[in-house]
């Protein structure tokens, strides 16, 4: 696809816990990243680990995200500190006949590496890509970042070189004893899908009487 190693092909990304849920197809990884909106990024500063939620966009073989230039966490990431970025999509709850075997349907991607800071036109382009990814159609109408806003922003790109993918989507995996137990075998089991959707757009006090843009009405979550 891009000459990069397959997901899970390095010692750090090989799935060891329930390896049958591992996915080695990079296209699947990118589809998961393209479906998500929020990533969690890890960083250690002064010996203390932190996990930061960020809006993100995949652009080619990188993930783009941004934060305040006043943030010590983003300053640390911008220096090339090692990080781990994860995206998880929750697709459902799996109800087994025991609490222990109950689980979730999920799709998750983990990326390891170091970020590079984007500057100048590269940062502007990345921020527009990010805005278009999170709010399709909005960059064509809304004001673009001003110089002082760009100065207040650290824009980072994390190469998707070393990644791991795991997908859980099967039925309950009950222990055989529960399937024949006179009590537990009569309990309903299965899974309950979880779906995401946009609600009705709500105008602020200054947008009263202005119609909701068609591009906003067209937003869908799959």
Protein backbone atom coordinates (compact mmCIF):
# COMPACT_ATOMS: atom_id res chain seq x y z
CA UNK A 1 0.00 0.00 0.00
CA UNK A 2 2.74 2.47 0.99
CA UNK A 3 5.88 0.40 1.50
CA UNK A 4 5.45 0.58 5.28
CA UNK A 5 5.59 -2.50 7.51
CA UNK A 6 2.40 -4.42 8.17
CA UNK A 7 0.55 -3.68 11.41
CA UNK A 8 1.76 -5.84 14.27
CA UNK A 9 4.99 -6.81 12.51
CA UNK A 10 7.36 -5.35 15.11
CA UNK A 11 8.08 -6.72 18.61
CA UNK A 12 6.45 -3.66 20.19
CA UNK A 13 3.24 -3.90 18.17
CA UNK A 14 2.73 -7.67 17.99
CA UNK A 15 -0.60 -8.54 19.63
CA UNK A 16 0.08 -11.08 22.38
CA UNK A 17 -3.20 -10.94 24.29
CA UNK A 18 -5.94 -12.69 22.23
CA UNK A 19 -3.79 -12.65 19.07
CA UNK A 20 -6.67 -13.94 16.95
CA UNK A 21 -8.14 -10.43 17.14
CA UNK A 22 -5.05 -8.92 15.54
CA UNK A 23 -5.34 -7.45 12.04
CA UNK A 24 -2.31 -7.10 9.79
CA UNK A 25 -3.97 -5.22 6.93
CA UNK A 26 -2.91 -1.57 6.79
CA UNK A 27 -6.04 -0.67 4.82
CA UNK A 28 -8.15 -1.82 7.78
CA UNK A 29 -6.04 0.35 10.09
CA UNK A 30 -6.57 3.40 7.89
CA UNK A 31 -10.31 2.72 7.64
CA UNK A 32 -10.53 2.71 11.44
CA UNK A 33 -8.55 5.94 11.70
CA UNK A 34 -10.73 7.55 9.04
CA UNK A 35 -13.87 6.59 10.95
CA UNK A 36 -12.73 8.07 14.26
CA UNK A 37 -12.79 11.64 15.51
CA UNK A 38 -10.84 11.55 18.78
CA UNK A 39 -7.43 10.04 19.52
CA UNK A 40 -5.63 9.72 22.83
CA UNK A 41 -1.96 10.68 22.83
CA UNK A 42 0.49 9.70 25.57
CA UNK A 43 3.42 11.82 26.69
CA UNK A 44 5.77 11.73 29.68
CA UNK A 45 7.02 15.00 31.10
CA UNK A 46 9.12 15.33 34.26
CA UNK A 47 8.57 11.64 34.94
CA UNK A 48 4.76 11.94 34.93
CA UNK A 49 2.76 10.19 32.18
CA UNK A 50 -0.24 11.96 30.69
CA UNK A 51 -2.84 10.91 28.12
CA UNK A 52 -4.33 13.75 26.10
CA UNK A 53 -7.52 13.52 23.98
CA UNK A 54 -7.18 15.28 20.61
CA UNK A 55 -9.18 15.72 17.45
CA UNK A 56 -7.18 14.31 14.57
CA UNK A 57 -7.09 13.53 10.87
CA UNK A 58 -5.21 10.94 8.88
CA UNK A 59 -3.38 12.51 5.97
CA UNK A 60 -1.67 9.84 3.90
CA UNK A 61 0.63 7.86 6.15
CA UNK A 62 0.49 10.33 9.05
CA UNK A 63 -1.93 11.44 11.74
CA UNK A 64 -2.28 15.20 12.21
CA UNK A 65 -3.34 16.88 15.46
CA UNK A 66 -2.71 20.17 17.25
CA UNK A 67 -2.61 21.85 20.64
CA UNK A 68 -1.69 25.07 22.37
CA UNK A 69 1.86 26.37 21.99
CA UNK A 70 1.65 27.19 25.72
CA UNK A 71 1.08 23.53 26.61
CA UNK A 72 4.12 21.84 28.11
CA UNK A 73 2.74 18.51 26.90
CA UNK A 74 2.63 19.62 23.26
CA UNK A 75 6.00 21.31 23.64
CA UNK A 76 7.39 17.98 24.81
CA UNK A 77 5.83 16.12 21.88
CA UNK A 78 7.19 18.71 19.44
CA UNK A 79 10.76 17.96 20.58
CA UNK A 80 10.47 14.37 19.37
CA UNK A 81 9.61 12.68 22.65
CA UNK A 82 8.37 9.10 22.16
CA UNK A 83 4.61 8.76 22.14
CA UNK A 84 1.75 6.33 21.71
CA UNK A 85 -1.46 7.36 19.93
CA UNK A 86 -4.59 5.24 20.10
CA UNK A 87 -7.99 5.41 18.44
CA UNK A 88 -10.81 3.15 19.60
CA UNK A 89 -14.26 2.76 18.06
CA UNK A 90 -16.84 1.11 20.31
CA UNK A 91 -19.33 -0.84 18.18
CA UNK A 92 -21.33 -2.77 20.75
CA UNK A 93 -21.63 -4.60 24.07
CA UNK A 94 -21.38 -8.38 24.10
CA UNK A 95 -23.55 -10.05 26.74
CA UNK A 96 -22.41 -13.53 27.63
CA UNK A 97 -24.02 -15.88 30.13
CA UNK A 98 -21.32 -14.94 32.63
CA UNK A 99 -19.99 -11.53 33.55
CA UNK A 100 -16.42 -12.72 33.02
CA UNK A 101 -17.01 -13.65 29.37
CA UNK A 102 -19.02 -10.51 28.57
CA UNK A 103 -17.08 -8.04 26.43
CA UNK A 104 -17.29 -5.42 23.70
CA UNK A 105 -17.25 -5.10 19.94
CA UNK A 106 -14.46 -2.68 19.09
CA UNK A 107 -11.93 -1.57 16.51
CA UNK A 108 -8.69 -0.03 17.72
CA UNK A 109 -5.42 1.24 16.29
CA UNK A 110 -2.26 1.98 18.26
CA UNK A 111 0.62 3.94 16.72
CA UNK A 112 4.10 4.26 18.25
CA UNK A 113 6.73 6.79 17.26
CA UNK A 114 7.75 10.41 17.48
CA UNK A 115 5.98 13.48 16.15
CA UNK A 116 7.37 16.16 13.90
CA UNK A 117 6.25 19.77 14.23
CA UNK A 118 4.75 21.33 11.14
CA UNK A 119 5.58 24.94 10.33
CA UNK A 120 4.49 27.60 7.85
CA UNK A 121 2.46 26.49 4.87
CA UNK A 122 2.69 22.86 5.98
CA UNK A 123 1.00 23.73 9.28
CA UNK A 124 -1.72 25.74 7.55
CA UNK A 125 -2.42 22.91 5.10
CA UNK A 126 -2.54 20.38 7.93
CA UNK A 127 -4.96 22.50 9.96
CA UNK A 128 -7.25 22.86 6.95
CA UNK A 129 -7.10 19.10 6.38
CA UNK A 130 -7.94 18.55 10.03
CA UNK A 131 -10.87 20.98 9.88
CA UNK A 132 -12.22 19.38 6.72
CA UNK A 133 -11.94 15.93 8.28
CA UNK A 134 -13.77 16.90 11.49
CA UNK A 135 -16.23 19.38 9.93
CA UNK A 136 -16.65 18.52 6.23
CA UNK A 137 -17.39 21.62 4.16
CA UNK A 138 -16.60 24.12 6.90
CA UNK A 139 -13.19 25.34 5.63
CA UNK A 140 -14.83 26.63 2.46
CA UNK A 141 -16.96 29.04 4.49
CA UNK A 142 -15.33 29.82 7.86
CA UNK A 143 -12.40 32.19 8.43
CA UNK A 144 -8.99 30.53 8.19
CA UNK A 145 -6.37 30.82 10.97
CA UNK A 146 -4.84 34.26 11.47
CA UNK A 147 -1.07 34.65 12.02
CA UNK A 148 -1.46 35.12 15.77
CA UNK A 149 -3.65 32.01 15.95
CA UNK A 150 -1.04 29.98 14.10
CA UNK A 151 1.59 31.27 16.52
CA UNK A 152 -0.53 30.04 19.42
CA UNK A 153 -0.81 26.55 17.91
CA UNK A 154 1.54 23.59 17.76
CA UNK A 155 0.65 21.35 14.82
CA UNK A 156 2.09 17.85 14.91
CA UNK A 157 2.32 14.92 12.50
CA UNK A 158 2.86 11.36 13.72
CA UNK A 159 4.08 8.96 11.00
CA UNK A 160 2.08 5.72 10.91
CA UNK A 161 5.11 3.48 10.63
CA UNK A 162 4.84 1.24 13.69
CA UNK A 163 1.18 0.41 14.30
CA UNK A 164 -0.97 -2.30 15.80
CA UNK A 165 -4.61 -3.12 14.96
CA UNK A 166 -7.08 -5.17 16.97
CA UNK A 167 -10.74 -5.88 16.17
CA UNK A 168 -13.29 -7.63 18.35
CA UNK A 169 -16.55 -8.46 16.58
CA UNK A 170 -17.59 -11.98 17.48
CA UNK A 171 -20.45 -13.54 19.47
CA UNK A 172 -20.25 -14.29 23.19
CA UNK A 173 -17.68 -16.95 24.06
CA UNK A 174 -19.38 -18.74 26.92
CA UNK A 175 -17.72 -21.54 28.81
CA UNK A 176 -19.30 -24.90 27.87
CA UNK A 177 -20.65 -25.45 31.38
CA UNK A 178 -22.81 -22.32 31.19
CA UNK A 179 -24.41 -23.50 27.94
CA UNK A 180 -25.82 -26.60 29.63
CA UNK A 181 -26.38 -25.22 33.12
CA UNK A 182 -30.12 -25.39 34.00
CA UNK A 183 -30.11 -21.74 35.13
CA UNK A 184 -27.49 -19.95 33.04
CA UNK A 185 -28.40 -21.68 29.77
CA UNK A 186 -31.80 -19.97 29.94
CA UNK A 187 -30.29 -16.46 30.08
CA UNK A 188 -30.50 -14.34 26.93
CA UNK A 189 -27.09 -13.71 25.38
CA UNK A 190 -25.92 -11.88 22.29
CA UNK A 191 -24.75 -8.38 21.50
CA UNK A 192 -26.18 -4.87 21.50
CA UNK A 193 -24.86 -2.58 18.72
CA UNK A 194 -23.77 0.94 19.59
CA UNK A 195 -24.19 3.61 16.93
CA UNK A 196 -23.16 7.25 16.73
CA UNK A 197 -25.16 10.01 15.07
CA UNK A 198 -25.28 13.78 14.76
CA UNK A 199 -28.18 15.54 16.43
CA UNK A 200 -30.22 18.51 15.27
CA UNK A 201 -27.94 21.56 14.74
CA UNK A 202 -28.46 24.26 17.37
CA UNK A 203 -27.88 27.91 16.40
CA UNK A 204 -26.16 30.27 18.82
CA UNK A 205 -27.72 33.64 19.67
CA UNK A 206 -25.96 35.40 16.80
CA UNK A 207 -27.05 32.91 14.11
CA UNK A 208 -30.79 33.25 14.65
CA UNK A 209 -32.51 33.36 11.28
CA UNK A 210 -29.48 32.08 9.37
CA UNK A 211 -30.21 28.69 7.77
CA UNK A 212 -28.11 25.69 8.71
CA UNK A 213 -25.63 25.03 5.87
CA UNK A 214 -26.43 22.12 3.58
CA UNK A 215 -23.01 20.61 4.26
CA UNK A 216 -23.85 20.42 7.98
CA UNK A 217 -27.20 18.79 7.22
CA UNK A 218 -25.31 16.21 5.16
CA UNK A 219 -23.06 15.06 8.01
CA UNK A 220 -23.42 11.37 8.86
CA UNK A 221 -21.71 8.92 11.19
CA UNK A 222 -21.26 5.35 10.03
